């Protein structure tokens, strides 16, 4: 994570907390951590947007082929702010040159990722990294981004945009949405849903869909038995789930589990399972799978069962 002078602290902390919580969720499942958080800068410390100094920053590194580099936005300059000093300009130029070299290599390699949160896209633009790529930024910075990267495909009114190894978000909370989507891709939907639940944020389906994901829907409750069952289903939705097996996970009777789902989740246990499987099938089809392949990968017995389930849930909505 690159830390500049006047970095927007929420841009930085929102993404970092999501990644930290993903590691925490993985540890609870006896799985190895997926992320190691590091913070770098042109200096060993930097004054953040809220006046808090962030210290012990690492020098600008040579990035590994599989690294993720996160660029945060900076607070707008105030009219009464002093102009940048020669040292400030030299530091900014040093960062841009480093980013052009290391960020360019990261994008060219295709195994790592470059993430820009909010106006962090402007830094990527100044480093010449957005030419020919789809990207977005905060709505107040769209015109500035178009001016800084005239050969980029700057997209408005998008929560986030994914273009191969480049990922960009519209703002602070949209940056969390972006990181959740990448956690889902890297660690699985259950881990991303767990992180979103802890952070009390909406888990979005993807870059073009603002609706609440079935992975997090029906979970705005505090009932521990119901959460256990939902966690288990999300962790392995393709398993051979029966009402009795679900009830065993929750340590309740099947009848009581149905009552809990209806009372606290607003759905039934089997409809919850079907919705999760439908979402998995939708994602498989988006990735290019044929309907029959997507149906089997999501836990349906056939593509006919997938279509029947889709019609049934649509008519009940």
Protein backbone atom coordinates (compact mmCIF):
# COMPACT_ATOMS: atom_id res chain seq x y z
CA UNK A 1 0.00 0.00 0.00
CA UNK A 2 1.46 3.29 -1.13
CA UNK A 3 1.23 6.07 1.47
CA UNK A 4 1.65 9.62 0.21
CA UNK A 5 1.36 12.95 1.96
CA UNK A 6 -2.33 13.68 2.70
CA UNK A 7 -3.42 10.14 1.84
CA UNK A 8 -7.14 9.70 2.58
CA UNK A 9 -6.98 7.54 5.66
CA UNK A 10 -10.32 5.81 5.04
CA UNK A 11 -9.22 4.77 1.54
CA UNK A 12 -6.17 3.13 3.04
CA UNK A 13 -7.75 1.69 6.18
CA UNK A 14 -10.92 0.35 4.52
CA UNK A 15 -8.98 -1.81 2.09
CA UNK A 16 -6.43 -2.85 4.72
CA UNK A 17 -9.11 -3.89 7.23
CA UNK A 18 -10.91 -5.99 4.63
CA UNK A 19 -7.70 -7.84 3.82
CA UNK A 20 -6.84 -8.26 7.51
CA UNK A 21 -10.30 -9.68 8.22
CA UNK A 22 -9.93 -12.07 5.27
CA UNK A 23 -6.79 -13.44 6.91
CA UNK A 24 -8.68 -13.72 10.19
CA UNK A 25 -11.53 -15.63 8.53
CA UNK A 26 -9.03 -17.98 6.86
CA UNK A 27 -7.33 -18.68 10.20
CA UNK A 28 -10.69 -19.60 11.73
CA UNK A 29 -10.99 -22.22 9.00
CA UNK A 30 -7.45 -23.51 9.69
CA UNK A 31 -6.35 -22.20 6.29
CA UNK A 32 -3.16 -20.21 5.65
CA UNK A 33 -3.36 -16.43 5.47
CA UNK A 34 -3.61 -15.04 1.94
CA UNK A 35 -2.28 -11.52 2.44
CA UNK A 36 0.72 -9.81 4.03
CA UNK A 37 0.12 -6.10 4.43
CA UNK A 38 3.03 -3.73 3.79
CA UNK A 39 3.06 0.06 3.66
CA UNK A 40 5.59 1.98 1.59
CA UNK A 41 6.33 5.59 0.77
CA UNK A 42 8.90 7.99 -0.58
CA UNK A 43 9.66 8.94 3.05
CA UNK A 44 9.59 6.98 6.28
CA UNK A 45 6.49 8.87 7.44
CA UNK A 46 3.61 10.80 5.90
CA UNK A 47 0.93 13.13 7.23
CA UNK A 48 -2.50 11.66 6.44
CA UNK A 49 -5.65 13.53 5.38
CA UNK A 50 -6.84 13.87 8.99
CA UNK A 51 -3.54 15.09 10.40
CA UNK A 52 -2.43 11.75 11.79
CA UNK A 53 1.17 10.94 10.90
CA UNK A 54 1.76 7.43 9.58
CA UNK A 55 5.26 6.19 10.30
CA UNK A 56 7.63 3.26 9.81
CA UNK A 57 6.92 3.23 6.06
CA UNK A 58 9.10 0.96 3.95
CA UNK A 59 11.11 2.41 1.06
CA UNK A 60 9.50 2.19 -2.37
CA UNK A 61 10.07 -1.49 -3.24
CA UNK A 62 10.74 -3.58 -6.28
CA UNK A 63 7.39 -5.34 -6.66
CA UNK A 64 7.03 -9.08 -7.04
CA UNK A 65 5.12 -10.53 -9.97
CA UNK A 66 2.20 -11.57 -7.74
CA UNK A 67 2.04 -8.45 -5.54
CA UNK A 68 -1.02 -6.24 -5.23
CA UNK A 69 -0.31 -2.51 -5.16
CA UNK A 70 -3.00 -0.27 -3.62
CA UNK A 71 -3.15 3.44 -4.51
CA UNK A 72 -5.31 5.64 -2.28
CA UNK A 73 -6.73 9.07 -2.97
CA UNK A 74 -5.45 12.29 -1.42
CA UNK A 75 -7.40 15.09 0.19
CA UNK A 76 -8.12 18.11 -1.97
CA UNK A 77 -5.79 21.05 -1.47
CA UNK A 78 -7.30 23.86 0.59
CA UNK A 79 -7.12 27.41 -0.79
CA UNK A 80 -5.06 28.45 2.22
CA UNK A 81 -2.62 25.53 1.93
CA UNK A 82 0.96 26.57 1.18
CA UNK A 83 2.15 25.66 -2.28
CA UNK A 84 4.29 22.53 -2.68
CA UNK A 85 7.93 22.99 -1.84
CA UNK A 86 10.76 21.88 -4.10
CA UNK A 87 11.17 18.84 -1.83
CA UNK A 88 7.46 18.01 -2.19
CA UNK A 89 7.69 18.22 -5.98
CA UNK A 90 10.79 16.07 -6.02
CA UNK A 91 9.07 13.45 -3.86
CA UNK A 92 5.99 13.41 -6.11
CA UNK A 93 8.18 12.98 -9.18
CA UNK A 94 10.08 10.16 -7.52
CA UNK A 95 6.80 8.35 -6.74
CA UNK A 96 5.50 8.80 -10.29
CA UNK A 97 8.71 7.43 -11.80
CA UNK A 98 8.68 4.48 -9.41
CA UNK A 99 5.03 3.80 -10.13
CA UNK A 100 5.54 4.03 -13.89
CA UNK A 101 8.29 1.41 -13.65
CA UNK A 102 6.88 -0.96 -11.02
CA UNK A 103 3.18 -0.49 -11.78
CA UNK A 104 3.83 -0.92 -15.48
CA UNK A 105 5.67 -4.17 -14.85
CA UNK A 106 2.88 -5.35 -12.56
CA UNK A 107 0.22 -4.72 -15.22
CA UNK A 108 2.31 -6.24 -17.98
CA UNK A 109 2.97 -9.40 -15.98
CA UNK A 110 -0.71 -10.07 -15.40
CA UNK A 111 -0.25 -12.12 -12.22
CA UNK A 112 -0.41 -9.26 -9.72
CA UNK A 113 -2.89 -6.41 -9.41
CA UNK A 114 -2.89 -2.63 -9.38
CA UNK A 115 -5.77 -1.28 -7.28
CA UNK A 116 -6.76 2.38 -7.26
CA UNK A 117 -9.24 3.58 -4.67
CA UNK A 118 -11.13 6.84 -5.15
CA UNK A 119 -8.80 9.48 -6.65
CA UNK A 120 -5.86 7.07 -6.50
CA UNK A 121 -6.61 6.60 -10.20
CA UNK A 122 -5.20 10.09 -10.82
CA UNK A 123 -1.80 8.95 -9.60
CA UNK A 124 -1.96 5.94 -11.92
CA UNK A 125 -2.89 8.31 -14.76
CA UNK A 126 0.03 10.64 -14.06
CA UNK A 127 2.32 7.59 -14.12
CA UNK A 128 1.01 6.68 -17.58
CA UNK A 129 -0.60 3.39 -16.55
CA UNK A 130 -4.18 3.84 -17.80
CA UNK A 131 -3.79 4.21 -21.56
CA UNK A 132 -6.18 1.87 -23.37
CA UNK A 133 -7.68 0.59 -20.12
CA UNK A 134 -11.14 0.80 -18.55
CA UNK A 135 -11.16 2.57 -15.20
CA UNK A 136 -13.18 4.77 -12.87
CA UNK A 137 -12.75 7.13 -9.95
CA UNK A 138 -14.78 9.32 -7.59
CA UNK A 139 -17.48 11.22 -9.48
CA UNK A 140 -15.92 14.55 -8.54
CA UNK A 141 -12.62 13.48 -10.16
CA UNK A 142 -13.95 11.98 -13.42
CA UNK A 143 -13.18 15.05 -15.53
CA UNK A 144 -9.72 15.33 -14.00
CA UNK A 145 -9.07 11.66 -14.74
CA UNK A 146 -10.19 12.07 -18.37
CA UNK A 147 -7.83 15.03 -18.71
CA UNK A 148 -4.93 13.16 -17.10
CA UNK A 149 -5.52 9.96 -19.11
CA UNK A 150 -7.14 10.98 -22.42
CA UNK A 151 -6.52 7.54 -23.95
CA UNK A 152 -8.21 5.68 -21.08
CA UNK A 153 -11.82 4.50 -21.16
CA UNK A 154 -13.05 6.36 -18.07
CA UNK A 155 -16.41 4.98 -16.95
CA UNK A 156 -18.85 7.00 -14.86
CA UNK A 157 -21.51 5.80 -12.43
CA UNK A 158 -19.72 2.57 -11.63
CA UNK A 159 -18.97 1.23 -8.17
CA UNK A 160 -15.76 -0.30 -9.47
CA UNK A 161 -14.23 -1.42 -12.74
CA UNK A 162 -12.11 -4.51 -13.36
CA UNK A 163 -9.87 -4.55 -16.43
CA UNK A 164 -7.53 -7.51 -16.18
CA UNK A 165 -4.90 -6.77 -13.52
CA UNK A 166 -6.16 -3.18 -13.14
CA UNK A 167 -8.93 -2.56 -10.62
CA UNK A 168 -10.34 0.88 -9.82
CA UNK A 169 -13.13 2.07 -7.54
CA UNK A 170 -15.34 5.15 -7.33
CA UNK A 171 -14.80 6.15 -3.72
CA UNK A 172 -13.98 5.16 -0.17
CA UNK A 173 -16.80 2.66 0.46
CA UNK A 174 -16.65 1.54 -3.17
CA UNK A 175 -13.01 0.68 -2.48
CA UNK A 176 -14.22 -1.75 0.17
CA UNK A 177 -16.67 -3.22 -2.36
CA UNK A 178 -13.77 -3.64 -4.78
CA UNK A 179 -11.55 -5.37 -2.24
CA UNK A 180 -14.43 -7.65 -1.21
CA UNK A 181 -14.87 -8.69 -4.84
CA UNK A 182 -11.16 -9.46 -5.12
CA UNK A 183 -11.21 -11.39 -1.83
CA UNK A 184 -14.10 -13.45 -3.21
CA UNK A 185 -12.11 -14.18 -6.35
CA UNK A 186 -8.90 -14.99 -4.47
CA UNK A 187 -10.21 -16.70 -1.31
CA UNK A 188 -13.79 -17.72 -2.10
CA UNK A 189 -17.26 -16.32 -1.59
CA UNK A 190 -17.62 -17.57 1.97
CA UNK A 191 -14.54 -15.65 3.12
CA UNK A 192 -15.73 -12.46 1.39
CA UNK A 193 -19.20 -12.82 2.92
CA UNK A 194 -17.64 -13.28 6.36
CA UNK A 195 -15.57 -10.11 5.94
CA UNK A 196 -18.57 -8.11 4.72
CA UNK A 197 -20.64 -9.30 7.65
CA UNK A 198 -18.00 -8.25 10.17
CA UNK A 199 -17.58 -4.85 8.49
CA UNK A 200 -21.38 -4.44 8.24
CA UNK A 201 -21.25 -3.48 4.57
CA UNK A 202 -23.14 -4.65 1.50
CA UNK A 203 -21.37 -7.32 -0.52
CA UNK A 204 -22.00 -6.41 -4.15
CA UNK A 205 -22.31 -9.04 -6.84
CA UNK A 206 -19.80 -7.52 -9.17
CA UNK A 207 -18.55 -4.46 -10.97
CA UNK A 208 -21.82 -3.87 -12.84
CA UNK A 209 -24.38 -5.09 -10.34
CA UNK A 210 -25.26 -2.99 -7.30
CA UNK A 211 -27.70 -5.47 -5.80
CA UNK A 212 -27.06 -7.32 -2.58
CA UNK A 213 -25.34 -10.63 -3.17
CA UNK A 214 -27.21 -13.81 -2.20
CA UNK A 215 -24.04 -14.66 -0.28
CA UNK A 216 -24.95 -11.95 2.21
CA UNK A 217 -28.71 -11.63 1.74
CA UNK A 218 -31.00 -12.85 4.56
CA UNK A 219 -28.19 -12.34 7.08
CA UNK A 220 -29.22 -9.14 8.82
CA UNK A 221 -29.84 -10.94 12.09
CA UNK A 222 -27.93 -12.02 15.18
CA UNK A 223 -29.08 -15.62 15.61
CA UNK A 224 -25.95 -17.79 16.05
CA UNK A 225 -27.52 -21.10 14.98
CA UNK A 226 -28.82 -19.60 11.77
CA UNK A 227 -25.45 -18.00 11.02
CA UNK A 228 -23.75 -21.38 11.52
CA UNK A 229 -26.01 -22.97 8.95
CA UNK A 230 -25.62 -20.11 6.48
CA UNK A 231 -21.84 -20.13 6.91
CA UNK A 232 -21.74 -23.85 6.19
CA UNK A 233 -23.90 -23.52 3.07
CA UNK A 234 -21.83 -20.62 1.72
CA UNK A 235 -18.62 -22.54 2.39
CA UNK A 236 -19.79 -25.56 0.37
CA UNK A 237 -23.01 -24.83 -1.56
CA UNK A 238 -22.40 -27.75 -3.94
CA UNK A 239 -22.69 -30.31 -1.13
CA UNK A 240 -25.66 -32.66 -0.82
CA UNK A 241 -27.67 -30.48 1.53
CA UNK A 242 -30.85 -31.76 3.12
CA UNK A 243 -33.00 -30.03 5.70
CA UNK A 244 -31.87 -32.60 8.27
CA UNK A 245 -28.20 -31.95 7.54
CA UNK A 246 -28.71 -28.19 7.84
CA UNK A 247 -30.52 -28.68 11.14
CA UNK A 248 -27.64 -30.79 12.42
CA UNK A 249 -25.20 -27.94 11.70
CA UNK A 250 -27.40 -25.56 13.68
CA UNK A 251 -28.03 -28.08 16.50
CA UNK A 252 -31.79 -27.63 16.14
CA UNK A 253 -34.62 -29.70 14.75
CA UNK A 254 -35.56 -29.37 11.06
CA UNK A 255 -38.88 -27.84 12.01
CA UNK A 256 -37.24 -25.28 14.28
CA UNK A 257 -34.64 -24.44 11.62
CA UNK A 258 -37.41 -23.67 9.12
CA UNK A 259 -39.02 -21.43 11.72
CA UNK A 260 -35.70 -19.63 12.35
CA UNK A 261 -35.11 -19.04 8.63
CA UNK A 262 -38.61 -17.66 8.19
CA UNK A 263 -38.51 -15.47 11.29
CA UNK A 264 -34.95 -14.11 11.05
CA UNK A 265 -33.98 -14.55 7.40
CA UNK A 266 -37.27 -14.00 5.60
CA UNK A 267 -36.85 -17.15 3.50
CA UNK A 268 -36.82 -20.94 3.82
CA UNK A 269 -33.69 -23.09 4.24
CA UNK A 270 -34.04 -24.68 0.80
CA UNK A 271 -34.82 -21.39 -0.95
CA UNK A 272 -31.72 -19.92 0.68
CA UNK A 273 -29.64 -22.81 -0.68
CA UNK A 274 -31.21 -22.43 -4.13
CA UNK A 275 -30.42 -18.71 -4.22
CA UNK A 276 -26.77 -19.38 -3.37
CA UNK A 277 -26.53 -22.02 -6.08
CA UNK A 278 -28.20 -19.73 -8.62
CA UNK A 279 -25.60 -17.07 -7.92
CA UNK A 280 -22.78 -19.58 -8.43
CA UNK A 281 -24.32 -20.73 -11.71
CA UNK A 282 -24.72 -17.11 -12.87
CA UNK A 283 -21.05 -16.44 -12.22
CA UNK A 284 -20.00 -19.60 -14.05
CA UNK A 285 -22.03 -18.56 -17.10
CA UNK A 286 -20.47 -15.08 -16.96
CA UNK A 287 -17.06 -16.77 -17.10
CA UNK A 288 -18.08 -18.56 -20.30
CA UNK A 289 -19.42 -21.90 -19.05
CA UNK A 290 -22.33 -23.52 -20.87
CA UNK A 291 -25.58 -23.72 -18.84
CA UNK A 292 -25.24 -27.45 -18.24
CA UNK A 293 -21.67 -26.99 -16.98
CA UNK A 294 -22.69 -24.05 -14.80
CA UNK A 295 -25.60 -26.01 -13.33
CA UNK A 296 -23.45 -28.97 -12.34
CA UNK A 297 -20.69 -26.73 -10.97
CA UNK A 298 -23.23 -24.94 -8.76
CA UNK A 299 -24.74 -28.11 -7.32
CA UNK A 300 -27.80 -28.54 -9.54
CA UNK A 301 -28.53 -31.95 -11.02
CA UNK A 302 -29.09 -30.52 -14.51
CA UNK A 303 -29.57 -27.33 -16.45
CA UNK A 304 -33.32 -28.06 -16.44
CA UNK A 305 -33.30 -27.94 -12.64
CA UNK A 306 -31.35 -24.68 -12.82
CA UNK A 307 -34.00 -23.14 -15.10
CA UNK A 308 -36.88 -24.40 -12.94
CA UNK A 309 -35.26 -22.98 -9.83
CA UNK A 310 -34.65 -19.62 -11.49
CA UNK A 311 -38.30 -19.39 -12.58
CA UNK A 312 -39.54 -20.47 -9.15
CA UNK A 313 -37.52 -17.90 -7.22
CA UNK A 314 -38.31 -15.17 -9.74
CA UNK A 315 -42.05 -15.78 -9.42
CA UNK A 316 -41.78 -15.74 -5.61
CA UNK A 317 -39.87 -12.44 -5.54
